[in-house]
Amino acid sequence: MLFIIGLGLGDVKDITIKGLEIIKKADRVYLEAYTSILCVGKDVLEQFYECPVILADRDLVEQGSDEILRDALTKDIAFLVVGDPFGATTHTDLVLRAQEAGIPFQVVHNASIMNAIGCCGLQLYSFGETVSIPYWTDTWQPESFYDKIASNRSRGLHTLCLLDIRVKEPTIESLTKKKKEYQAPCYISLPNILEHSKVKRFHPSLDVIASEKTLCVGVARVGSPSQKIVACSLEEMRSTDLGSPLHSLVIAGRLQPLELEYLVQFAASKEALEKLSASNPTLL
């Protein structure tokens, strides 16, 4: 059987008891290592699980899934995912490939940023569509996430923005060569993405998308002991140091009184937060 197991967000101990029991009995254990990262390394996982862990990079998962599924009809294969198994379309595709091959599968769920973002005090039912903000290059600057943010804000909804990470990405120069060369791993920080996305550049309704005074919430390393949350304006977020990755951003919509009360602990002051909330425009 193929087991797809969520690891949660923090450290090695966030795995469920069910997931740990499966890993200890599995014939092979893979760790998907490119859509997200844990705060601990592969060696720590191996020590805790008491078994070898095979790193599964983008090439193996997307192009070499046959190797992952090899012998899965007669052996137990564990595929570990940071967060929840269905937090990325890649993992859905792996399940479909297993089904096509007649391989039974079982999913063990866990916490992901999609529900753990509630730690900042914003209510989950008040979030609209989640967006991913990718790295920009000189030749590739996608803008599709702007319309989704605008749609959420027009209805007074919060927007969770997931920031791109790059792990074992081939260099542009190596794509034309037989042997791939890879870029160093890199992770978008909030100041970097806010600087290069230049929200004002693309959308005519600037007050709907985001202004410098728009209330935002920045989160880093959610679920770990070093978790950090900051509530401030978009302008202030540009210079806010949240430390090491992973970072996520929430562009706030219309706040309920309970949300405002909870957010105060992450802001410079209650007065500053109330002022931002009062000037937080939507189309409603």
Protein backbone atom coordinates (compact mmCIF):
# COMPACT_ATOMS: atom_id res chain seq x y z
CA MET A 1 0.00 0.00 0.00
CA LEU A 2 0.99 3.61 -0.54
CA PHE A 3 0.69 5.74 2.60
CA ILE A 4 0.74 9.52 2.22
CA ILE A 5 1.45 10.97 5.64
CA GLY A 6 1.27 14.57 6.79
CA LEU A 7 4.03 15.67 9.15
CA GLY A 8 2.51 18.90 10.44
CA LEU A 9 4.39 22.19 10.51
CA GLY A 10 6.74 22.36 13.48
CA ASP A 11 9.21 19.63 14.22
CA VAL A 12 9.66 15.87 14.21
CA LYS A 13 7.15 15.33 17.03
CA ASP A 14 4.21 16.84 15.17
CA ILE A 15 3.51 13.59 13.35
CA THR A 16 0.39 11.69 14.46
CA ILE A 17 0.67 8.40 16.33
CA LYS A 18 -0.98 6.65 13.38
CA GLY A 19 1.55 8.13 10.96
CA LEU A 20 4.51 7.17 13.14
CA GLU A 21 3.31 3.60 13.47
CA ILE A 22 3.02 3.29 9.68
CA ILE A 23 6.51 4.71 9.11
CA LYS A 24 8.10 2.28 11.54
CA LYS A 25 6.59 -0.66 9.63
CA ALA A 26 7.11 0.67 6.08
CA ASP A 27 9.52 -0.96 3.61
CA ARG A 28 10.56 2.40 2.14
CA VAL A 29 10.07 5.95 3.42
CA TYR A 30 10.24 9.04 1.18
CA LEU A 31 10.28 12.68 2.30
CA GLU A 32 8.89 15.15 -0.23
CA ALA A 33 11.41 17.95 -0.02
CA TYR A 34 10.48 20.78 -2.36
CA THR A 35 6.96 22.14 -1.71
CA SER A 36 7.73 22.99 1.92
CA ILE A 37 10.32 22.43 4.66
CA LEU A 38 10.39 21.36 8.28
CA CYS A 39 12.43 23.11 10.95
CA VAL A 40 14.52 19.94 11.38
CA GLY A 41 16.73 18.02 8.94
CA LYS A 42 16.57 14.55 7.44
CA ASP A 43 19.03 13.15 10.01
CA VAL A 44 16.73 14.17 12.87
CA LEU A 45 13.78 12.45 11.19
CA GLU A 46 15.78 9.25 10.67
CA GLN A 47 16.85 9.19 14.30
CA PHE A 48 13.28 9.70 15.50
CA TYR A 49 11.71 7.22 13.06
CA GLU A 50 14.57 4.70 13.48
CA CYS A 51 14.70 4.05 9.75
CA PRO A 52 16.30 5.49 6.58
CA VAL A 53 14.47 8.37 4.84
CA ILE A 54 14.84 8.94 1.09
CA LEU A 55 14.66 12.59 -0.03
CA ALA A 56 12.20 13.02 -2.90
CA ASP A 57 12.97 16.14 -4.94
CA ARG A 58 10.85 17.65 -7.71
CA ASP A 59 12.36 15.45 -10.43
CA LEU A 60 11.67 12.24 -8.52
CA VAL A 61 8.11 13.14 -7.52
CA GLU A 62 6.97 14.63 -10.83
CA GLN A 63 8.98 12.54 -13.28
CA GLY A 64 10.04 9.47 -11.33
CA SER A 65 6.84 8.51 -9.55
CA ASP A 66 7.20 4.95 -10.91
CA GLU A 67 10.23 4.55 -8.65
CA ILE A 68 8.26 5.76 -5.62
CA LEU A 69 5.41 3.36 -6.42
CA ARG A 70 7.74 0.45 -7.21
CA ASP A 71 6.63 -2.77 -5.45
CA ALA A 72 3.79 -0.90 -3.71
CA LEU A 73 1.44 -3.78 -4.51
CA THR A 74 3.47 -6.08 -2.29
CA LYS A 75 5.27 -3.64 0.03
CA ASP A 76 4.32 -0.66 2.19
CA ILE A 77 5.61 2.67 0.88
CA ALA A 78 5.39 5.79 3.08
CA PHE A 79 5.46 9.19 1.39
CA LEU A 80 5.92 12.01 3.91
CA VAL A 81 4.62 15.52 3.28
CA VAL A 82 5.26 18.63 5.36
CA GLY A 83 1.89 19.96 6.48
CA ASP A 84 -1.10 18.06 5.11
CA PRO A 85 -0.88 15.55 2.21
CA PHE A 86 -3.28 17.49 -0.01
CA GLY A 87 -1.67 20.89 0.43
CA ALA A 88 -0.13 20.66 -3.07
CA THR A 89 -1.51 19.35 -6.38
CA THR A 90 1.62 17.23 -6.79
CA HIS A 91 0.44 14.89 -4.07
CA THR A 92 -3.01 14.56 -5.61
CA ASP A 93 -1.30 13.52 -8.84
CA LEU A 94 0.65 10.82 -7.00
CA VAL A 95 -2.59 9.37 -5.64
CA LEU A 96 -4.09 9.32 -9.15
CA ARG A 97 -1.01 7.48 -10.47
CA ALA A 98 -1.35 4.92 -7.69
CA GLN A 99 -5.02 4.40 -8.54
CA GLU A 100 -4.18 3.91 -12.22
CA ALA A 101 -1.70 1.22 -11.22
CA GLY A 102 -4.24 -0.49 -8.97
CA ILE A 103 -2.25 0.37 -5.84
CA PRO A 104 -4.32 0.89 -2.68
CA PHE A 105 -3.54 4.03 -0.70
CA GLN A 106 -4.23 5.58 2.68
CA VAL A 107 -3.93 9.22 3.70
CA VAL A 108 -2.95 10.37 7.20
CA HIS A 109 -3.84 14.04 7.63
CA ASN A 110 -2.11 16.68 9.74
CA ALA A 111 -2.04 20.43 10.35
CA SER A 112 -1.11 22.73 7.48
CA ILE A 113 -0.72 26.47 7.05
CA MET A 114 -4.24 26.49 5.58
CA ASN A 115 -5.78 25.90 9.01
CA ALA A 116 -2.91 26.84 11.33
CA ILE A 117 -3.06 30.43 10.05
CA GLY A 118 -5.87 30.79 12.59
CA CYS A 119 -3.07 31.29 15.14
CA CYS A 120 -3.04 35.00 14.24
CA GLY A 121 -6.63 35.39 15.42
CA LEU A 122 -8.30 35.90 12.04
CA GLN A 123 -11.27 33.59 11.65
CA LEU A 124 -10.86 30.84 9.07
CA TYR A 125 -14.39 31.28 7.71
CA SER A 126 -13.52 34.90 6.88
CA PHE A 127 -10.76 33.93 4.44
CA GLY A 128 -11.28 33.99 0.69
CA GLU A 129 -9.23 32.22 -1.97
CA THR A 130 -5.61 31.48 -1.03
CA VAL A 131 -2.95 32.71 -3.45
CA SER A 132 0.64 31.73 -4.17
CA ILE A 133 3.15 34.49 -4.84
CA PRO A 134 5.98 33.18 -7.02
CA TYR A 135 9.50 34.40 -7.55
CA TRP A 136 9.78 37.00 -10.26
CA THR A 137 12.57 37.13 -12.81
CA ASP A 138 13.44 39.65 -15.50
CA THR A 139 11.47 37.58 -18.03
CA TRP A 140 8.68 36.06 -15.89
CA GLN A 141 6.45 38.23 -13.71
CA PRO A 142 3.03 36.57 -13.29
CA GLU A 143 0.23 38.79 -12.02
CA SER A 144 -2.72 36.41 -11.65
CA PHE A 145 -2.73 36.56 -7.86
CA TYR A 146 -3.65 40.29 -7.91
CA ASP A 147 -7.14 39.63 -9.24
CA LYS A 148 -7.75 37.02 -6.54
CA ILE A 149 -6.66 39.40 -3.79
CA ALA A 150 -8.91 42.10 -5.26
CA SER A 151 -11.85 39.68 -5.37
CA ASN A 152 -11.36 38.70 -1.73
CA ARG A 153 -11.05 42.29 -0.55
CA SER A 154 -14.11 43.38 -2.52
CA ARG A 155 -16.09 40.99 -0.30
CA GLY A 156 -14.31 41.94 2.91
CA LEU A 157 -12.42 38.63 3.08
CA HIS A 158 -8.87 37.98 4.24
CA THR A 159 -6.29 36.60 1.77
CA LEU A 160 -3.62 34.09 2.77
CA CYS A 161 -0.58 34.57 0.54
CA LEU A 162 1.84 31.64 0.35
CA LEU A 163 5.36 32.65 -0.63
CA ASP A 164 7.35 30.64 -3.16
CA ILE A 165 10.33 28.51 -2.23
CA ARG A 166 12.99 27.16 -4.56
CA VAL A 167 14.68 23.88 -3.73
CA LYS A 168 16.87 22.13 -6.31
CA GLU A 169 15.70 24.33 -9.18
CA PRO A 170 17.78 23.99 -12.38
CA THR A 171 19.62 27.06 -13.62
CA ILE A 172 18.40 28.61 -16.87
CA GLU A 173 21.78 27.96 -18.49
CA SER A 174 21.74 24.25 -17.62
CA LEU A 175 18.35 23.59 -19.21
CA THR A 176 20.02 23.38 -22.61
CA LYS A 177 22.73 21.03 -21.34
CA LYS A 178 22.61 17.30 -20.82
CA LYS A 179 23.68 17.67 -17.20
CA LYS A 180 21.53 19.85 -14.97
CA GLU A 181 23.05 22.40 -12.63
CA TYR A 182 21.00 23.65 -9.72
CA GLN A 183 20.47 26.98 -8.01
CA ALA A 184 21.14 27.31 -4.32
CA PRO A 185 17.97 26.84 -2.21
CA CYS A 186 16.18 30.11 -1.55
CA TYR A 187 13.05 31.22 0.24
CA ILE A 188 11.05 34.40 -0.22
CA SER A 189 10.94 36.64 2.83
CA LEU A 190 8.13 39.13 3.33
CA PRO A 191 10.25 42.27 2.76
CA ASN A 192 11.58 40.75 -0.49
CA ILE A 193 8.21 39.78 -1.95
CA LEU A 194 6.57 43.08 -1.01
CA GLU A 195 9.41 44.93 -2.68
CA HIS A 196 9.46 43.01 -5.94
CA SER A 197 5.72 42.43 -6.38
CA LYS A 198 5.07 46.20 -6.53
CA VAL A 199 1.32 45.93 -5.93
CA LYS A 200 0.65 49.44 -7.17
CA ARG A 201 2.04 48.77 -10.60
CA PHE A 202 -0.64 46.52 -12.01
CA HIS A 203 -4.11 47.18 -10.71
CA PRO A 204 -6.21 50.30 -11.33
CA SER A 205 -8.22 49.95 -8.11
CA LEU A 206 -5.33 50.43 -5.71
CA ASP A 207 -7.54 50.90 -2.66
CA VAL A 208 -9.13 47.53 -3.35
CA ILE A 209 -5.94 45.55 -3.89
CA ALA A 210 -3.71 47.09 -1.24
CA SER A 211 -2.37 50.47 -0.27
CA GLU A 212 0.59 51.30 1.92
CA LYS A 213 -1.83 51.58 4.86
CA THR A 214 -3.52 48.23 4.28
CA LEU A 215 -3.55 46.05 7.40
CA CYS A 216 -1.43 42.91 6.96
CA VAL A 217 -0.36 40.03 9.17
CA GLY A 218 3.02 38.41 8.66
CA VAL A 219 3.69 34.94 10.07
CA ALA A 220 6.89 32.92 10.18
CA ARG A 221 7.67 29.31 11.15
CA VAL A 222 4.07 28.61 12.16
CA GLY A 223 3.82 25.68 14.55
CA SER A 224 7.44 25.85 15.70
CA PRO A 225 8.75 27.13 19.05
CA SER A 226 10.14 30.20 17.26
CA GLN A 227 6.83 31.11 15.60
CA LYS A 228 6.50 34.84 15.00
CA ILE A 229 3.45 36.96 14.14
CA VAL A 230 3.37 40.68 13.33
CA ALA A 231 0.33 42.83 12.53
CA CYS A 232 1.04 46.17 10.85
CA SER A 233 0.55 48.15 7.65
CA LEU A 234 1.85 46.94 4.30
CA GLU A 235 4.36 49.77 4.39
CA GLU A 236 5.69 48.71 7.80
CA MET A 237 5.80 45.05 6.76
CA ARG A 238 8.34 45.91 4.07
CA SER A 239 10.93 46.59 6.78
CA THR A 240 9.83 43.94 9.31
CA ASP A 241 12.33 41.17 10.06
CA LEU A 242 10.51 37.91 10.71
CA GLY A 243 13.69 35.85 10.79
CA SER A 244 14.30 32.55 9.02
CA PRO A 245 11.74 30.87 6.68
CA LEU A 246 9.04 29.95 6.02
CA HIS A 247 7.04 33.20 5.81
CA SER A 248 3.39 33.77 4.86
CA LEU A 249 1.35 36.94 4.51
CA VAL A 250 -2.28 37.71 5.24
CA ILE A 251 -3.84 40.75 3.60
CA ALA A 252 -6.69 41.56 5.93
CA GLY A 253 -10.27 42.13 4.88
CA ARG A 254 -13.03 43.42 7.14
CA LEU A 255 -12.22 42.69 10.80
CA GLN A 256 -14.73 41.45 13.36
CA PRO A 257 -14.40 42.83 16.92
CA LEU A 258 -13.03 39.52 18.23
CA GLU A 259 -10.40 39.42 15.48
CA LEU A 260 -9.32 42.97 16.27
CA GLU A 261 -9.07 42.19 19.97
CA TYR A 262 -6.87 39.13 19.32
CA LEU A 263 -4.61 40.90 16.82
CA VAL A 264 -3.66 43.60 19.32
CA GLN A 265 -0.99 41.35 20.89
CA PHE A 266 0.86 41.26 17.55
CA ALA A 267 0.67 45.00 16.81
CA ALA A 268 2.65 47.99 18.06
CA SER A 269 -0.40 49.23 19.96
CA LYS A 270 -4.18 48.90 20.09
CA GLU A 271 -4.55 52.46 18.82
CA ALA A 272 -2.34 51.81 15.77
CA LEU A 273 -4.27 48.65 14.94
CA GLU A 274 -7.66 50.32 15.27
CA LYS A 275 -6.53 53.13 12.99
CA LEU A 276 -5.37 50.64 10.33
CA SER A 277 -8.59 48.65 10.65
CA ALA A 278 -10.74 51.76 10.26
CA SER A 279 -8.90 52.75 7.08
CA ASN A 280 -8.88 49.23 5.63
CA PRO A 281 -10.99 49.73 2.47
CA THR A 282 -13.18 47.18 0.67
CA LEU A 283 -15.86 47.54 -1.96
CA LEU A 284 -18.62 46.59 0.47
